[in-house]
PDB file of N, CA and C in Angstrom:
ATOM      1  N   MET A   1     113.313 104.093 128.661  1.00  0.00           N
ATOM      2  CA  MET A   1     113.157 105.152 129.583  1.00  0.00           C
ATOM      3  C   MET A   1     114.288 105.301 130.592  1.00  0.00           C
ATOM      4  N   THR A   2     115.592 105.176 130.084  1.00  0.00           N
ATOM      5  CA  THR A   2     116.722 105.441 130.978  1.00  0.00           C
ATOM      6  C   THR A   2     117.016 106.966 130.788  1.00  0.00           C
ATOM      7  N   SER A   3     118.077 107.272 131.645  1.00  0.00           N
ATOM      8  CA  SER A   3     118.475 108.619 131.684  1.00  0.00           C
ATOM      9  C   SER A   3     119.134 108.970 130.350  1.00  0.00           C
ATOM     10  N   ALA A   4     119.473 107.935 129.530  1.00  0.00           N
ATOM     11  CA  ALA A   4     120.163 108.307 128.211  1.00  0.00           C
ATOM     12  C   ALA A   4     119.086 108.519 127.223  1.00  0.00           C
ATOM     13  N   THR A   5     117.921 108.462 127.402  1.00  0.00           N
ATOM     14  CA  THR A   5     116.831 108.842 126.593  1.00  0.00           C
ATOM     15  C   THR A   5     116.803 110.094 125.831  1.00  0.00           C
ATOM     16  N   SER A   6     116.890 110.433 124.877  1.00  0.00           N
ATOM     17  CA  SER A   6     117.211 111.729 124.306  1.00  0.00           C
ATOM     18  C   SER A   6     115.779 112.380 123.847  1.00  0.00           C
ATOM     19  N   LEU A   7     114.803 111.565 124.063  1.00  0.00           N
ATOM     20  CA  LEU A   7     113.508 112.096 123.713  1.00  0.00           C
ATOM     21  C   LEU A   7     113.047 113.197 124.681  1.00  0.00           C
ATOM     22  N   ARG A   8     112.445 114.215 124.064  1.00  0.00           N
ATOM     23  CA  ARG A   8     112.043 115.420 124.980  1.00  0.00           C
ATOM     24  C   ARG A   8     110.778 114.898 125.676  1.00  0.00           C
ATOM     25  N   GLU A   9     110.057 114.006 125.172  1.00  0.00           N
ATOM     26  CA  GLU A   9     108.849 113.536 125.890  1.00  0.00           C
ATOM     27  C   GLU A   9     108.911 111.835 125.778  1.00  0.00           C
ATOM     28  N   ARG A  10     108.379 111.262 126.764  1.00  0.00           N
ATOM     29  CA  ARG A  10     108.475 109.858 126.756  1.00  0.00           C
ATOM     30  C   ARG A  10     107.110 109.254 126.504  1.00  0.00           C
ATOM     31  N   ILE A  11     106.937 108.037 125.914  1.00  0.00           N
ATOM     32  CA  ILE A  11     105.477 107.429 125.639  1.00  0.00           C
ATOM     33  C   ILE A  11     105.565 106.158 126.631  1.00  0.00           C
ATOM     34  N   VAL A  12     104.382 106.064 127.304  1.00  0.00           N
ATOM     35  CA  VAL A  12     104.162 104.785 128.097  1.00  0.00           C
ATOM     36  C   VAL A  12     102.609 104.513 127.835  1.00  0.00           C
ATOM     37  N   TYR A  13     102.298 103.219 128.312  1.00  0.00           N
ATOM     38  CA  TYR A  13     100.847 102.872 128.142  1.00  0.00           C
ATOM     39  C   TYR A  13     100.238 102.400 129.411  1.00  0.00           C
ATOM     40  N   ARG A  14      98.929 102.814 129.689  1.00  0.00           N
ATOM     41  CA  ARG A  14      98.129 102.595 130.912  1.00  0.00           C
ATOM     42  C   ARG A  14      97.141 101.586 130.370  1.00  0.00           C
ATOM     43  N   VAL A  15      96.865 100.381 130.905  1.00  0.00           N
ATOM     44  CA  VAL A  15      95.945  99.471 130.642  1.00  0.00           C
ATOM     45  C   VAL A  15      94.547  99.931 131.142  1.00  0.00           C
ATOM     46  N   LEU A  16      93.471  99.850 130.476  1.00  0.00           N
ATOM     47  CA  LEU A  16      92.239 100.223 130.813  1.00  0.00           C
ATOM     48  C   LEU A  16      91.292  99.139 130.492  1.00  0.00           C
ATOM     49  N   ARG A  17      90.235  98.927 131.303  1.00  0.00           N
ATOM     50  CA  ARG A  17      89.167  97.933 131.011  1.00  0.00           C
ATOM     51  C   ARG A  17      88.241  98.306 129.937  1.00  0.00           C
ATOM     52  N   GLU A  18      87.889  99.735 129.911  1.00  0.00           N
ATOM     53  CA  GLU A  18      86.993 100.364 128.964  1.00  0.00           C
ATOM     54  C   GLU A  18      87.965 101.569 128.216  1.00  0.00           C
ATOM     55  N   PRO A  19      87.328 102.022 126.996  1.00  0.00           N
ATOM     56  CA  PRO A  19      88.054 103.091 126.466  1.00  0.00           C
ATOM     57  C   PRO A  19      87.772 104.348 127.010  1.00  0.00           C
ATOM     58  N   ALA A  20      86.915 104.482 127.960  1.00  0.00           N
ATOM     59  CA  ALA A  20      86.527 105.795 128.531  1.00  0.00           C
ATOM     60  C   ALA A  20      87.519 106.338 129.204  1.00  0.00           C
ATOM     61  N   LEU A  21      87.832 107.648 128.998  1.00  0.00           N
ATOM     62  CA  LEU A  21      88.934 108.473 129.730  1.00  0.00           C
ATOM     63  C   LEU A  21      88.212 109.105 130.872  1.00  0.00           C
ATOM     64  N   GLU A  22      88.420 108.505 132.031  1.00  0.00           N
ATOM     65  CA  GLU A  22      87.896 109.138 133.293  1.00  0.00           C
ATOM     66  C   GLU A  22      88.968 109.174 134.290  1.00  0.00           C
ATOM     67  N   ARG A  23      88.949 110.333 135.077  1.00  0.00           N
ATOM     68  CA  ARG A  23      90.015 110.762 136.150  1.00  0.00           C
ATOM     69  C   ARG A  23      90.273 109.458 136.911  1.00  0.00           C
ATOM     70  N   ARG A  24      89.311 108.659 137.529  1.00  0.00           N
ATOM     71  CA  ARG A  24      89.453 107.632 138.312  1.00  0.00           C
ATOM     72  C   ARG A  24      90.455 106.552 138.009  1.00  0.00           C
ATOM     73  N   ARG A  25      90.313 106.446 136.500  1.00  0.00           N
ATOM     74  CA  ARG A  25      91.428 105.413 135.954  1.00  0.00           C
ATOM     75  C   ARG A  25      92.803 105.732 136.072  1.00  0.00           C
ATOM     76  N   PHE A  26      93.158 107.084 136.439  1.00  0.00           N
ATOM     77  CA  PHE A  26      94.471 107.488 136.425  1.00  0.00           C
ATOM     78  C   PHE A  26      94.799 107.885 137.891  1.00  0.00           C
ATOM     79  N   GLU A  27      94.061 107.444 139.000  1.00  0.00           N
ATOM     80  CA  GLU A  27      94.334 107.807 140.162  1.00  0.00           C
ATOM     81  C   GLU A  27      95.180 106.559 140.840  1.00  0.00           C
ATOM     82  N   SER A  28      96.255 107.099 141.644  1.00  0.00           N
ATOM     83  CA  SER A  28      97.070 106.183 142.425  1.00  0.00           C
ATOM     84  C   SER A  28      96.243 105.529 143.514  1.00  0.00           C
ATOM     85  N   ASP A  29      96.672 104.477 144.062  1.00  0.00           N
ATOM     86  CA  ASP A  29      96.169 104.021 145.291  1.00  0.00           C
ATOM     87  C   ASP A  29      95.927 104.833 146.371  1.00  0.00           C
ATOM     88  N   GLN A  30      97.021 105.799 146.481  1.00  0.00           N
ATOM     89  CA  GLN A  30      96.934 106.976 147.504  1.00  0.00           C
ATOM     90  C   GLN A  30      95.816 107.757 147.312  1.00  0.00           C
ATOM     91  N   GLU A  31      95.451 108.385 146.086  1.00  0.00           N
ATOM     92  CA  GLU A  31      94.569 109.281 145.792  1.00  0.00           C
ATOM     93  C   GLU A  31      93.023 108.538 145.864  1.00  0.00           C
ATOM     94  N   LYS A  32      92.987 107.233 145.749  1.00  0.00           N
ATOM     95  CA  LYS A  32      91.862 106.459 145.980  1.00  0.00           C
ATOM     96  C   LYS A  32      91.624 106.168 147.356  1.00  0.00           C
ATOM     97  N   GLY A  33      92.562 106.416 148.315  1.00  0.00           N
ATOM     98  CA  GLY A  33      92.333 106.246 149.732  1.00  0.00           C
ATOM     99  C   GLY A  33      92.532 104.887 150.266  1.00  0.00           C
ATOM    100  N   ARG A  34      93.167 104.143 149.320  1.00  0.00           N
ATOM    101  CA  ARG A  34      93.412 102.844 149.795  1.00  0.00           C
ATOM    102  C   ARG A  34      94.613 102.658 150.796  1.00  0.00           C
ATOM    103  N   GLN A  35      94.498 101.464 151.455  1.00  0.00           N
ATOM    104  CA  GLN A  35      95.620 101.240 152.439  1.00  0.00           C
ATOM    105  C   GLN A  35      96.864 100.709 151.536  1.00  0.00           C
ATOM    106  N   ALA A  36      97.998 101.103 151.819  1.00  0.00           N
ATOM    107  CA  ALA A  36      99.145 100.952 151.150  1.00  0.00           C
ATOM    108  C   ALA A  36      99.429  99.391 151.463  1.00  0.00           C
ATOM    109  N   THR A  37      99.820  98.464 150.525  1.00  0.00           N
ATOM    110  CA  THR A  37     100.327  97.057 150.630  1.00  0.00           C
ATOM    111  C   THR A  37     101.567  97.085 151.152  1.00  0.00           C
ATOM    112  N   PRO A  38     102.075  95.844 151.633  1.00  0.00           N
ATOM    113  CA  PRO A  38     103.559  95.823 151.862  1.00  0.00           C
ATOM    114  C   PRO A  38     104.550  96.139 150.889  1.00  0.00           C
ATOM    115  N   GLU A  39     104.175  95.701 149.621  1.00  0.00           N
ATOM    116  CA  GLU A  39     105.047  96.227 148.503  1.00  0.00           C
ATOM    117  C   GLU A  39     105.054  97.649 148.377  1.00  0.00           C
ATOM    118  N   GLN A  40     103.959  98.334 148.644  1.00  0.00           N
ATOM    119  CA  GLN A  40     103.983  99.796 148.160  1.00  0.00           C
ATOM    120  C   GLN A  40     104.472 100.483 149.613  1.00  0.00           C
ATOM    121  N   ILE A  41     104.522  99.920 150.700  1.00  0.00           N
ATOM    122  CA  ILE A  41     105.273 100.417 151.827  1.00  0.00           C
ATOM    123  C   ILE A  41     106.820 100.486 151.678  1.00  0.00           C
ATOM    124  N   ALA A  42     107.226  99.189 151.177  1.00  0.00           N
ATOM    125  CA  ALA A  42     108.622  99.143 150.691  1.00  0.00           C
ATOM    126  C   ALA A  42     109.093  99.925 149.701  1.00  0.00           C
ATOM    127  N   ASP A  43     108.257 100.350 148.742  1.00  0.00           N
ATOM    128  CA  ASP A  43     108.684 101.292 147.654  1.00  0.00           C
ATOM    129  C   ASP A  43     107.380 102.157 147.566  1.00  0.00           C
ATOM    130  N   PRO A  44     107.354 103.318 148.169  1.00  0.00           N
ATOM    131  CA  PRO A  44     106.294 104.180 148.139  1.00  0.00           C
ATOM    132  C   PRO A  44     105.940 104.896 146.842  1.00  0.00           C
ATOM    133  N   ARG A  45     106.958 104.902 145.842  1.00  0.00           N
ATOM    134  CA  ARG A  45     106.409 105.286 144.545  1.00  0.00           C
ATOM    135  C   ARG A  45     105.363 104.473 143.860  1.00  0.00           C
ATOM    136  N   LEU A  46     105.243 103.091 144.206  1.00  0.00           N
ATOM    137  CA  LEU A  46     104.185 102.269 143.871  1.00  0.00           C
ATOM    138  C   LEU A  46     102.846 102.644 144.354  1.00  0.00           C
ATOM    139  N   TYR A  47     102.836 103.543 145.577  1.00  0.00           N
ATOM    140  CA  TYR A  47     101.543 103.771 146.184  1.00  0.00           C
ATOM    141  C   TYR A  47     101.168 105.133 145.633  1.00  0.00           C
ATOM    142  N   THR A  48     102.077 106.042 145.313  1.00  0.00           N
ATOM    143  CA  THR A  48     101.789 107.391 144.835  1.00  0.00           C
ATOM    144  C   THR A  48     101.662 107.623 143.469  1.00  0.00           C
ATOM    145  N   GLY A  49     102.078 106.479 142.527  1.00  0.00           N
ATOM    146  CA  GLY A  49     102.105 106.559 141.126  1.00  0.00           C
ATOM    147  C   GLY A  49     101.202 105.550 140.695  1.00  0.00           C
ATOM    148  N   ILE A  50     101.050 105.434 139.303  1.00  0.00           N
ATOM    149  CA  ILE A  50     100.264 104.477 138.615  1.00  0.00           C
ATOM    150  C   ILE A  50     101.178 103.556 137.891  1.00  0.00           C
ATOM    151  N   SER A  51     100.747 102.300 137.605  1.00  0.00           N
ATOM    152  CA  SER A  51     101.560 101.399 136.683  1.00  0.00           C
ATOM    153  C   SER A  51     101.312 101.758 135.213  1.00  0.00           C
ATOM    154  N   THR A  52     102.332 101.828 134.484  1.00  0.00           N
ATOM    155  CA  THR A  52     102.423 101.765 132.942  1.00  0.00           C
ATOM    156  C   THR A  52     103.337 100.860 132.407  1.00  0.00           C
ATOM    157  N   PHE A  53     103.246 100.660 131.095  1.00  0.00           N
ATOM    158  CA  PHE A  53     104.180  99.918 130.521  1.00  0.00           C
ATOM    159  C   PHE A  53     104.626 100.416 129.286  1.00  0.00           C
ATOM    160  N   THR A  54     105.763  99.877 128.716  1.00  0.00           N
ATOM    161  CA  THR A  54     106.248 100.371 127.478  1.00  0.00           C
ATOM    162  C   THR A  54     107.339  99.112 126.959  1.00  0.00           C
ATOM    163  N   PRO A  55     107.418  98.945 125.671  1.00  0.00           N
ATOM    164  CA  PRO A  55     106.705  99.513 124.641  1.00  0.00           C
ATOM    165  C   PRO A  55     105.350  99.126 124.451  1.00  0.00           C
ATOM    166  N   LYS A  56     104.575  99.626 123.219  1.00  0.00           N
ATOM    167  CA  LYS A  56     103.164  99.348 123.153  1.00  0.00           C
ATOM    168  C   LYS A  56     102.800  97.802 123.079  1.00  0.00           C
ATOM    169  N   ARG A  57     103.606  97.195 122.256  1.00  0.00           N
ATOM    170  CA  ARG A  57     103.385  95.659 122.161  1.00  0.00           C
ATOM    171  C   ARG A  57     103.506  95.036 123.453  1.00  0.00           C
ATOM    172  N   PHE A  58     104.491  95.257 124.242  1.00  0.00           N
ATOM    173  CA  PHE A  58     104.655  94.628 125.522  1.00  0.00           C
ATOM    174  C   PHE A  58     103.444  95.043 126.518  1.00  0.00           C
ATOM    175  N   ALA A  59     102.986  96.214 126.386  1.00  0.00           N
ATOM    176  CA  ALA A  59     101.729  96.626 127.275  1.00  0.00           C
ATOM    177  C   ALA A  59     100.576  95.766 126.731  1.00  0.00           C
ATOM    178  N   ALA A  60     100.459  95.675 125.539  1.00  0.00           N
ATOM    179  CA  ALA A  60      99.325  94.897 125.045  1.00  0.00           C
ATOM    180  C   ALA A  60      99.436  93.225 125.494  1.00  0.00           C
ATOM    181  N   GLN A  61     100.602  92.882 125.508  1.00  0.00           N
ATOM    182  CA  GLN A  61     101.028  91.578 125.888  1.00  0.00           C
ATOM    183  C   GLN A  61     100.547  91.302 127.435  1.00  0.00           C
ATOM    184  N   GLN A  62     100.963  92.351 128.249  1.00  0.00           N
ATOM    185  CA  GLN A  62     100.734  92.422 129.707  1.00  0.00           C
ATOM    186  C   GLN A  62      99.348  92.423 129.957  1.00  0.00           C
ATOM    187  N   ALA A  63      98.588  93.318 129.183  1.00  0.00           N
ATOM    188  CA  ALA A  63      97.071  93.483 129.365  1.00  0.00           C
ATOM    189  C   ALA A  63      96.368  92.134 129.099  1.00  0.00           C
ATOM    190  N   ARG A  64      96.856  91.500 128.135  1.00  0.00           N
ATOM    191  CA  ARG A  64      96.156  90.249 127.685  1.00  0.00           C
ATOM    192  C   ARG A  64      96.602  89.097 128.873  1.00  0.00           C
ATOM    193  N   HIS A  65      97.825  88.906 129.014  1.00  0.00           N
ATOM    194  CA  HIS A  65      98.354  87.843 129.784  1.00  0.00           C
ATOM    195  C   HIS A  65      97.846  87.982 131.172  1.00  0.00           C
ATOM    196  N   LEU A  66      97.754  89.279 131.686  1.00  0.00           N
ATOM    197  CA  LEU A  66      97.479  89.401 133.055  1.00  0.00           C
ATOM    198  C   LEU A  66      95.971  89.793 133.374  1.00  0.00           C
ATOM    199  N   HIS A  67      95.323  89.665 132.246  1.00  0.00           N
ATOM    200  CA  HIS A  67      93.732  90.012 132.275  1.00  0.00           C
ATOM    201  C   HIS A  67      93.637  91.481 132.965  1.00  0.00           C
ATOM    202  N   LEU A  68      94.328  92.466 132.438  1.00  0.00           N
ATOM    203  CA  LEU A  68      94.116  93.867 133.147  1.00  0.00           C
ATOM    204  C   LEU A  68      93.037  94.687 132.409  1.00  0.00           C
ATOM    205  N   GLY A  69      92.797  94.275 131.272  1.00  0.00           N
ATOM    206  CA  GLY A  69      91.951  95.203 130.420  1.00  0.00           C
ATOM    207  C   GLY A  69      92.132  95.016 128.821  1.00  0.00           C
ATOM    208  N   SER A  70      91.372  95.704 128.176  1.00  0.00           N
ATOM    209  CA  SER A  70      91.120  95.520 126.661  1.00  0.00           C
ATOM    210  C   SER A  70      91.600  96.849 125.866  1.00  0.00           C
ATOM    211  N   TYR A  71      91.900  97.705 126.620  1.00  0.00           N
ATOM    212  CA  TYR A  71      92.371  99.003 125.947  1.00  0.00           C
ATOM    213  C   TYR A  71      93.744  99.633 126.483  1.00  0.00           C
ATOM    214  N   LEU A  72      94.481 100.301 125.625  1.00  0.00           N
ATOM    215  CA  LEU A  72      95.637 100.937 126.177  1.00  0.00           C
ATOM    216  C   LEU A  72      95.584 102.375 126.001  1.00  0.00           C
ATOM    217  N   ALA A  73      95.704 103.219 127.066  1.00  0.00           N
ATOM    218  CA  ALA A  73      95.751 104.759 126.920  1.00  0.00           C
ATOM    219  C   ALA A  73      97.198 104.964 126.737  1.00  0.00           C
ATOM    220  N   GLU A  74      97.562 105.672 125.557  1.00  0.00           N
ATOM    221  CA  GLU A  74      99.018 106.103 125.368  1.00  0.00           C
ATOM    222  C   GLU A  74      99.153 107.474 125.886  1.00  0.00           C
ATOM    223  N   LEU A  75     100.219 107.651 126.829  1.00  0.00           N
ATOM    224  CA  LEU A  75     100.452 108.822 127.410  1.00  0.00           C
ATOM    225  C   LEU A  75     101.829 109.357 126.915  1.00  0.00           C
ATOM    226  N   LEU A  76     101.736 110.757 126.710  1.00  0.00           N
ATOM    227  CA  LEU A  76     102.854 111.424 126.230  1.00  0.00           C
ATOM    228  C   LEU A  76     103.455 111.942 127.654  1.00  0.00           C
ATOM    229  N   VAL A  77     104.576 111.725 128.104  1.00  0.00           N
ATOM    230  CA  VAL A  77     105.052 112.123 129.591  1.00  0.00           C
ATOM    231  C   VAL A  77     106.210 113.016 129.260  1.00  0.00           C
ATOM    232  N   PRO A  78     105.919 114.385 129.790  1.00  0.00           N
ATOM    233  CA  PRO A  78     106.939 115.428 129.763  1.00  0.00           C
ATOM    234  C   PRO A  78     108.054 115.137 130.512  1.00  0.00           C
ATOM    235  N   PRO A  79     109.209 115.765 130.074  1.00  0.00           N
ATOM    236  CA  PRO A  79     110.547 115.405 130.889  1.00  0.00           C
ATOM    237  C   PRO A  79     110.482 115.763 132.268  1.00  0.00           C
ATOM    238  N   HIS A  80     109.711 116.640 132.771  1.00  0.00           N
ATOM    239  CA  HIS A  80     109.699 117.009 134.058  1.00  0.00           C
ATOM    240  C   HIS A  80     108.864 116.260 135.062  1.00  0.00           C
ATOM    241  N   VAL A  81     108.262 115.212 134.599  1.00  0.00           N
ATOM    242  CA  VAL A  81     107.331 114.309 135.312  1.00  0.00           C
ATOM    243  C   VAL A  81     108.098 112.993 135.646  1.00  0.00           C
ATOM    244  N   GLU A  82     108.099 112.665 136.875  1.00  0.00           N
ATOM    245  CA  GLU A  82     108.832 111.477 137.382  1.00  0.00           C
ATOM    246  C   GLU A  82     108.274 110.138 136.649  1.00  0.00           C
ATOM    247  N   LEU A  83     109.010 109.481 136.116  1.00  0.00           N
ATOM    248  CA  LEU A  83     108.649 108.225 135.498  1.00  0.00           C
ATOM    249  C   LEU A  83     109.811 107.124 135.456  1.00  0.00           C
ATOM    250  N   GLU A  84     109.863 106.170 136.448  1.00  0.00           N
ATOM    251  CA  GLU A  84     110.790 105.222 136.628  1.00  0.00           C
ATOM    252  C   GLU A  84     110.472 103.836 136.627  1.00  0.00           C
ATOM    253  N   PRO A  85     111.512 102.959 136.200  1.00  0.00           N
ATOM    254  CA  PRO A  85     111.270 101.464 136.074  1.00  0.00           C
ATOM    255  C   PRO A  85     110.940 100.896 137.330  1.00  0.00           C
ATOM    256  N   THR A  86     110.111 100.190 137.582  1.00  0.00           N
ATOM    257  CA  THR A  86     109.714  99.454 138.868  1.00  0.00           C
ATOM    258  C   THR A  86     109.230  98.093 138.524  1.00  0.00           C
ATOM    259  N   LEU A  87     109.277  97.299 139.616  1.00  0.00           N
ATOM    260  CA  LEU A  87     108.818  96.011 139.651  1.00  0.00           C
ATOM    261  C   LEU A  87     109.580  94.929 138.649  1.00  0.00           C
ATOM    262  N   ARG A  88     109.458  95.331 137.296  1.00  0.00           N
ATOM    263  CA  ARG A  88     110.059  94.258 136.310  1.00  0.00           C
ATOM    264  C   ARG A  88     110.337  95.048 135.007  1.00  0.00           C
ATOM    265  N   THR A  89     111.093  94.525 134.153  1.00  0.00           N
ATOM    266  CA  THR A  89     111.353  95.139 132.771  1.00  0.00           C
ATOM    267  C   THR A  89     110.076  95.499 132.060  1.00  0.00           C
ATOM    268  N   GLY A  90     110.120  96.661 131.521  1.00  0.00           N
ATOM    269  CA  GLY A  90     108.747  97.114 130.867  1.00  0.00           C
ATOM    270  C   GLY A  90     107.719  97.747 131.696  1.00  0.00           C
ATOM    271  N   HIS A  91     107.946  97.734 133.036  1.00  0.00           N
ATOM    272  CA  HIS A  91     106.935  98.328 133.896  1.00  0.00           C
ATOM    273  C   HIS A  91     107.688  99.687 134.433  1.00  0.00           C
ATOM    274  N   TYR A  92     106.681 100.783 134.374  1.00  0.00           N
ATOM    275  CA  TYR A  92     107.111 102.033 134.828  1.00  0.00           C
ATOM    276  C   TYR A  92     106.142 102.625 135.669  1.00  0.00           C
ATOM    277  N   THR A  93     106.452 103.220 136.801  1.00  0.00           N
ATOM    278  CA  THR A  93     105.481 103.940 137.651  1.00  0.00           C
ATOM    279  C   THR A  93     105.540 105.506 137.279  1.00  0.00           C
ATOM    280  N   LEU A  94     104.342 105.986 137.034  1.00  0.00           N
ATOM    281  CA  LEU A  94     104.303 107.452 136.596  1.00  0.00           C
ATOM    282  C   LEU A  94     103.719 108.136 137.748  1.00  0.00           C
ATOM    283  N   GLN A  95     104.374 109.104 138.206  1.00  0.00           N
ATOM    284  CA  GLN A  95     103.979 110.038 139.301  1.00  0.00           C
ATOM    285  C   GLN A  95     103.156 111.176 138.848  1.00  0.00           C
ATOM    286  N   GLY A  96     102.729 112.071 139.715  1.00  0.00           N
ATOM    287  CA  GLY A  96     101.874 113.137 139.376  1.00  0.00           C
ATOM    288  C   GLY A  96     100.477 112.961 139.962  1.00  0.00           C
ATOM    289  N   ASP A  97      99.577 113.741 139.635  1.00  0.00           N
ATOM    290  CA  ASP A  97      98.035 113.618 140.265  1.00  0.00           C
ATOM    291  C   ASP A  97      97.428 113.130 139.039  1.00  0.00           C
ATOM    292  N   ALA A  98      96.113 112.552 139.344  1.00  0.00           N
ATOM    293  CA  ALA A  98      95.392 111.994 138.240  1.00  0.00           C
ATOM    294  C   ALA A  98      94.897 112.834 137.215  1.00  0.00           C
ATOM    295  N   GLU A  99      94.684 114.221 137.624  1.00  0.00           N
ATOM    296  CA  GLU A  99      94.256 115.181 136.426  1.00  0.00           C
ATOM    297  C   GLU A  99      95.571 115.346 135.616  1.00  0.00           C
ATOM    298  N   SER A 100      96.754 115.475 135.974  1.00  0.00           N
ATOM    299  CA  SER A 100      97.853 115.708 135.118  1.00  0.00           C
ATOM    300  C   SER A 100      98.082 114.362 134.202  1.00  0.00           C
ATOM    301  N   ARG A 101      97.958 113.416 134.825  1.00  0.00           N
ATOM    302  CA  ARG A 101      98.164 112.016 134.109  1.00  0.00           C
ATOM    303  C   ARG A 101      97.204 111.777 132.997  1.00  0.00           C
ATOM    304  N   LEU A 102      95.801 112.259 133.272  1.00  0.00           N
ATOM    305  CA  LEU A 102      94.775 111.990 132.281  1.00  0.00           C
ATOM    306  C   LEU A 102      95.056 112.982 131.081  1.00  0.00           C
ATOM    307  N   ALA A 103      95.584 114.206 131.449  1.00  0.00           N
ATOM    308  CA  ALA A 103      95.756 115.165 130.324  1.00  0.00           C
ATOM    309  C   ALA A 103      96.993 114.692 129.535  1.00  0.00           C
ATOM    310  N   MET A 104      97.753 113.821 129.965  1.00  0.00           N
ATOM    311  CA  MET A 104      98.755 113.180 129.023  1.00  0.00           C
ATOM    312  C   MET A 104      98.382 112.286 128.113  1.00  0.00           C
ATOM    313  N   VAL A 105      97.189 111.745 128.118  1.00  0.00           N
ATOM    314  CA  VAL A 105      96.608 110.927 127.157  1.00  0.00           C
ATOM    315  C   VAL A 105      96.422 111.434 125.818  1.00  0.00           C
ATOM    316  N   TRP A 106      97.045 110.949 124.707  1.00  0.00           N
ATOM    317  CA  TRP A 106      96.709 111.428 123.291  1.00  0.00           C
ATOM    318  C   TRP A 106      96.203 110.373 122.431  1.00  0.00           C
ATOM    319  N   ALA A 107      96.079 109.147 122.828  1.00  0.00           N
ATOM    320  CA  ALA A 107      95.461 108.090 121.962  1.00  0.00           C
ATOM    321  C   ALA A 107      94.965 107.046 122.936  1.00  0.00           C
ATOM    322  N   VAL A 108      94.006 106.125 122.479  1.00  0.00           N
ATOM    323  CA  VAL A 108      93.593 105.000 123.050  1.00  0.00           C
ATOM    324  C   VAL A 108      93.579 103.907 122.002  1.00  0.00           C
ATOM    325  N   HIS A 109      94.097 102.813 122.316  1.00  0.00           N
ATOM    326  CA  HIS A 109      94.239 101.698 121.444  1.00  0.00           C
ATOM    327  C   HIS A 109      93.586 100.394 121.951  1.00  0.00           C
ATOM    328  N   GLU A 110      92.974  99.651 121.062  1.00  0.00           N
ATOM    329  CA  GLU A 110      92.386  98.315 121.467  1.00  0.00           C
ATOM    330  C   GLU A 110      93.535  97.445 121.620  1.00  0.00           C
ATOM    331  N   VAL A 111      93.608  96.412 122.629  1.00  0.00           N
ATOM    332  CA  VAL A 111      94.719  95.636 122.811  1.00  0.00           C
ATOM    333  C   VAL A 111      94.672  94.638 121.660  1.00  0.00           C
ATOM    334  N   ASP A 112      93.651  94.151 121.259  1.00  0.00           N
ATOM    335  CA  ASP A 112      93.495  93.186 120.130  1.00  0.00           C
ATOM    336  C   ASP A 112      94.116  93.722 118.746  1.00  0.00           C
ATOM    337  N   SER A 113      93.846  95.066 118.581  1.00  0.00           N
ATOM    338  CA  SER A 113      94.389  95.604 117.488  1.00  0.00           C
ATOM    339  C   SER A 113      95.849  95.680 117.460  1.00  0.00           C
ATOM    340  N   VAL A 114      96.541  96.090 118.592  1.00  0.00           N
ATOM    341  CA  VAL A 114      98.009  96.046 118.668  1.00  0.00           C
ATOM    342  C   VAL A 114      98.529  94.798 118.645  1.00  0.00           C
ATOM    343  N   LEU A 115      97.941  93.810 118.925  1.00  0.00           N
ATOM    344  CA  LEU A 115      98.588  92.465 118.960  1.00  0.00           C
ATOM    345  C   LEU A 115      98.454  91.880 117.643  1.00  0.00           C
ATOM    346  N   LYS A 116      97.222  92.234 116.868  1.00  0.00           N
ATOM    347  CA  LYS A 116      97.198  91.881 115.568  1.00  0.00           C
ATOM    348  C   LYS A 116      98.258  92.532 114.609  1.00  0.00           C
ATOM    349  N   GLU A 117      98.496  93.981 114.853  1.00  0.00           N
ATOM    350  CA  GLU A 117      99.364  94.598 114.124  1.00  0.00           C
ATOM    351  C   GLU A 117     100.844  94.000 114.427  1.00  0.00           C
ATOM    352  N   ALA A 118     101.128  93.684 115.495  1.00  0.00           N
ATOM    353  CA  ALA A 118     102.542  93.090 115.796  1.00  0.00           C
ATOM    354  C   ALA A 118     102.555  91.709 115.148  1.00  0.00           C
ATOM    355  N   GLN A 119     101.504  90.869 115.035  1.00  0.00           N
ATOM    356  CA  GLN A 119     101.510  89.616 114.302  1.00  0.00           C
ATOM    357  C   GLN A 119     101.681  89.899 112.836  1.00  0.00           C
ATOM    358  N   ASP A 120     101.064  90.986 112.366  1.00  0.00           N
ATOM    359  CA  ASP A 120     101.241  91.363 110.900  1.00  0.00           C
ATOM    360  C   ASP A 120     102.525  91.790 110.487  1.00  0.00           C
ATOM    361  N   ASP A 121     103.194  92.512 111.370  1.00  0.00           N
ATOM    362  CA  ASP A 121     104.633  93.055 111.206  1.00  0.00           C
ATOM    363  C   ASP A 121     105.626  91.863 111.139  1.00  0.00           C
ATOM    364  N   VAL A 122     105.359  90.942 112.179  1.00  0.00           N
ATOM    365  CA  VAL A 122     106.340  89.681 112.127  1.00  0.00           C
ATOM    366  C   VAL A 122     106.078  88.900 110.857  1.00  0.00           C
ATOM    367  N   ARG A 123     104.891  88.776 110.206  1.00  0.00           N
ATOM    368  CA  ARG A 123     104.736  88.023 109.129  1.00  0.00           C
ATOM    369  C   ARG A 123     105.227  88.753 107.881  1.00  0.00           C
ATOM    370  N   HIS A 124     105.333  90.016 107.888  1.00  0.00           N
ATOM    371  CA  HIS A 124     105.644  90.917 106.617  1.00  0.00           C
ATOM    372  C   HIS A 124     107.133  91.124 106.723  1.00  0.00           C
ATOM    373  N   SER A 125     107.791  90.833 107.926  1.00  0.00           N
ATOM    374  CA  SER A 125     109.302  91.020 108.012  1.00  0.00           C
ATOM    375  C   SER A 125     110.090  89.879 107.725  1.00  0.00           C
ATOM    376  N   GLY A 126     109.306  88.654 107.593  1.00  0.00           N
ATOM    377  CA  GLY A 126     110.086  87.382 107.453  1.00  0.00           C
ATOM    378  C   GLY A 126     110.113  86.981 106.121  1.00  0.00           C
TER     379      GLY A 126
END
């Protein structure tokens, strides 16, 4: 997701606890009315945006390792929407409002299926 990316639209993954696509799952802490954390005060993008990951396999690994949820919402992010790397490699903060972020979802994947696919790919490529 660097500025050198030539894709007209970018793909990121939002971890969900359940496969239901509800507005509240795409709200930033600011939209939820939560108090900003010291980390969010230092970098306001973290307060006004939501956490996403890319690529898909990494998102699934993070979901499992950090116990974030069992599903990945796949979002197709238009070029005009702010999407920036934050916190660590593979983590991106997606700006906009919850309604527009929810409208970017075009698929939902089970984390277990993504990880199994990745294992199968490794087995078949070797």
